Amino acid sequence: MTREITELLQTQEDEVDYVGGLIHDVGKIVMASAFPDHFEEIYHRRAQEGVELLSLEREVLGVDHAELGAMYLRKQGLSDAYVEIVQFHHAPQSARYQSNVTAAVQLSDLLVRHSKFGQSGNPAVVPLDSWLESPAWKILFGRQSESERDFSRFSLTASLERIPSILDALL
């Protein structure tokens, strides 16, 4: 989905957007592996109390999955581009160098969660069109004319509708 978003803006020369979309939640995997008891507490409380995931992660562990993922990638020697995408995928306006790709990752996350594809561990409902108010949408499409934004919105909605058939073809 991240590639679908970035391709609306320009053809991509590399795979940073694609890989960034795949690894954006690596911090959740690190958390589950390194801190299994904390991870279980966070997701149990999230389900029971409905508390916002990032603040609950910070409360229980002292760090959220985006920060933890960035620390892990930095320690593994991955490029700063991936570190920044992972670290700021919930706040793309804070990204300094990869702001468009980071915004595309946030927007794709919202769209996929809205469509209820898979289970990200964050069951918070993403209402229809709420992604149009996200920092990501404003970063990527805020300077477009109204007709261009309508086309982008239509294109992204069409991409979402294609995902089930793409996934079926893979299985």
Protein backbone atom coordinates (compact mmCIF):
# COMPACT_ATOMS: atom_id res chain seq x y z
CA MET A 1 0.00 0.00 0.00
CA THR A 2 2.90 2.34 0.71
CA ARG A 3 4.14 1.87 -2.86
CA GLU A 4 0.64 2.61 -4.19
CA ILE A 5 0.69 5.91 -2.32
CA THR A 6 4.20 6.96 -3.33
CA GLU A 7 3.55 6.04 -6.98
CA LEU A 8 0.66 8.53 -7.02
CA LEU A 9 3.22 11.27 -6.45
CA GLN A 10 6.17 10.04 -8.54
CA THR A 11 7.80 6.88 -9.81
CA GLN A 12 10.12 5.41 -7.22
CA GLU A 13 13.79 4.93 -8.03
CA ASP A 14 14.52 2.59 -5.13
CA GLU A 15 12.79 0.29 -2.66
CA VAL A 16 12.88 2.52 0.45
CA ASP A 17 9.11 3.07 0.40
CA TYR A 18 8.31 -0.60 -0.16
CA VAL A 19 10.71 -1.91 2.51
CA GLY A 20 9.76 0.92 4.89
CA GLY A 21 6.13 -0.15 4.67
CA LEU A 22 7.05 -3.75 5.40
CA ILE A 23 9.23 -3.01 8.44
CA HIS A 24 7.43 -0.04 10.01
CA ASP A 25 6.14 -2.11 12.97
CA VAL A 26 9.35 -4.09 13.58
CA GLY A 27 9.38 -2.60 17.09
CA LYS A 28 6.33 -4.73 17.95
CA ILE A 29 8.29 -7.86 17.04
CA VAL A 30 11.29 -6.68 19.05
CA MET A 31 9.02 -5.90 21.99
CA ALA A 32 7.34 -9.31 21.87
CA SER A 33 10.70 -11.05 21.68
CA ALA A 34 12.75 -9.02 24.18
CA PHE A 35 10.00 -8.13 26.64
CA PRO A 36 7.31 -10.84 26.33
CA ASP A 37 5.70 -10.16 29.72
CA HIS A 38 5.46 -6.42 29.04
CA PHE A 39 4.19 -7.11 25.53
CA GLU A 40 1.46 -9.38 26.88
CA GLU A 41 0.47 -6.81 29.51
CA ILE A 42 0.30 -4.04 26.91
CA TYR A 43 -1.91 -5.97 24.51
CA HIS A 44 -4.08 -7.42 27.28
CA ARG A 45 -4.66 -3.95 28.75
CA ARG A 46 -5.19 -2.50 25.27
CA ALA A 47 -7.98 -5.00 24.67
CA GLN A 48 -9.53 -4.54 28.11
CA GLU A 49 -9.18 -0.79 28.68
CA GLY A 50 -9.13 0.61 25.16
CA VAL A 51 -6.15 2.83 26.00
CA GLU A 52 -4.22 4.33 23.07
CA LEU A 53 -1.47 1.89 22.10
CA LEU A 54 1.56 4.20 21.97
CA SER A 55 0.88 5.81 25.34
CA LEU A 56 0.26 2.41 26.90
CA GLU A 57 3.55 1.10 25.51
CA ARG A 58 5.36 4.11 26.96
CA GLU A 59 3.64 3.66 30.32
CA VAL A 60 4.46 -0.03 30.63
CA LEU A 61 7.84 -0.22 28.90
CA GLY A 62 9.08 3.37 28.88
CA VAL A 63 9.31 3.37 25.09
CA ASP A 64 6.84 2.81 22.26
CA HIS A 65 7.20 0.33 19.40
CA ALA A 66 8.28 3.03 16.92
CA GLU A 67 11.16 4.17 19.13
CA LEU A 68 12.11 0.59 19.99
CA GLY A 69 12.07 -0.41 16.32
CA ALA A 70 14.30 2.54 15.42
CA MET A 71 16.77 1.59 18.16
CA TYR A 72 16.84 -1.98 16.88
CA LEU A 73 17.38 -0.99 13.24
CA ARG A 74 20.12 1.47 14.22
CA LYS A 75 21.86 -1.24 16.24
CA GLN A 76 21.59 -3.63 13.27
CA GLY A 77 23.27 -1.07 11.03
CA LEU A 78 20.33 -0.36 8.73
CA SER A 79 20.36 2.93 6.88
CA ASP A 80 19.14 6.12 8.51
CA ALA A 81 16.29 6.18 5.99
CA TYR A 82 14.74 3.04 7.48
CA VAL A 83 15.46 4.15 11.03
CA GLU A 84 13.64 7.43 10.42
CA ILE A 85 10.66 5.79 8.71
CA VAL A 86 10.19 3.35 11.59
CA GLN A 87 10.77 5.96 14.29
CA PHE A 88 8.32 8.52 12.91
CA HIS A 89 5.64 6.45 11.18
CA HIS A 90 3.09 7.74 13.72
CA ALA A 91 4.37 11.33 13.43
CA PRO A 92 5.64 11.85 9.87
CA GLN A 93 5.75 15.61 10.39
CA SER A 94 8.78 14.96 12.65
CA ALA A 95 10.78 13.16 9.94
CA ARG A 96 13.61 15.27 8.57
CA TYR A 97 14.83 13.39 5.48
CA GLN A 98 12.22 10.79 4.56
CA SER A 99 9.08 12.78 5.35
CA ASN A 100 7.18 11.74 2.20
CA VAL A 101 7.94 8.05 2.59
CA THR A 102 7.25 8.21 6.32
CA ALA A 103 3.94 9.93 5.58
CA ALA A 104 3.11 7.26 3.00
CA VAL A 105 3.77 4.58 5.62
CA GLN A 106 1.45 6.30 8.11
CA LEU A 107 -1.25 6.74 5.51
CA SER A 108 -0.99 3.14 4.31
CA ASP A 109 -1.18 1.93 7.92
CA LEU A 110 -4.38 3.94 8.45
CA LEU A 111 -5.92 2.73 5.19
CA VAL A 112 -5.10 -0.93 5.82
CA ARG A 113 -6.36 -0.72 9.41
CA HIS A 114 -9.53 1.01 8.18
CA SER A 115 -10.11 -1.88 5.79
CA LYS A 116 -9.40 -4.39 8.59
CA PHE A 117 -6.76 -6.34 6.68
CA GLY A 118 -4.80 -8.45 9.11
CA GLN A 119 -4.29 -7.79 12.81
CA SER A 120 -1.82 -5.11 13.81
CA GLY A 121 -2.50 -5.44 17.51
CA ASN A 122 -4.16 -2.03 17.41
CA PRO A 123 -7.89 -2.66 17.15
CA ALA A 124 -8.81 1.04 17.30
CA VAL A 125 -11.32 1.71 14.56
CA VAL A 126 -10.09 3.96 11.77
CA PRO A 127 -13.29 5.60 10.51
CA LEU A 128 -13.97 6.08 6.82
CA ASP A 129 -12.11 9.14 5.54
CA SER A 130 -10.43 9.91 8.89
CA TRP A 131 -7.15 9.32 7.08
CA LEU A 132 -7.91 12.49 5.10
CA GLU A 133 -7.28 14.45 8.33
CA SER A 134 -3.99 12.72 9.12
CA PRO A 135 -0.65 14.53 9.08
CA ALA A 136 0.36 12.10 6.32
CA TRP A 137 -2.45 13.17 3.99
CA LYS A 138 -1.58 16.83 4.55
CA ILE A 139 2.13 16.22 3.90
CA LEU A 140 1.57 14.24 0.72
CA PHE A 141 -1.55 15.76 -0.80
CA GLY A 142 -2.11 19.05 1.01
CA ARG A 143 -0.68 21.15 -1.80
CA GLN A 144 -2.74 19.50 -4.51
CA SER A 145 -5.78 21.13 -6.04
CA GLU A 146 -9.15 19.83 -4.91
CA SER A 147 -9.58 17.82 -8.12
CA GLU A 148 -6.10 16.29 -7.72
CA ARG A 149 -6.90 15.34 -4.11
CA ASP A 150 -10.20 13.78 -5.25
CA PHE A 151 -8.29 11.73 -7.83
CA SER A 152 -5.72 10.66 -5.22
CA ARG A 153 -8.48 9.66 -2.81
CA PHE A 154 -10.26 7.67 -5.52
CA SER A 155 -7.02 5.96 -6.56
CA LEU A 156 -6.19 4.94 -3.00
CA THR A 157 -9.70 3.63 -2.40
CA ALA A 158 -9.42 1.57 -5.60
CA SER A 159 -6.05 0.22 -4.45
CA LEU A 160 -7.60 -0.87 -1.16
CA GLU A 161 -10.36 -2.69 -3.01
CA ARG A 162 -7.73 -4.66 -4.99
CA ILE A 163 -5.86 -5.92 -1.90
CA PRO A 164 -8.07 -8.98 -1.21
CA SER A 165 -7.60 -10.30 -4.76
CA ILE A 166 -3.86 -9.66 -4.59
CA LEU A 167 -3.62 -11.55 -1.29
CA ASP A 168 -5.78 -14.40 -2.63
CA ALA A 169 -3.44 -14.74 -5.61
CA LEU A 170 -0.49 -15.10 -3.24
CA LEU A 171 -2.09 -17.96 -1.36
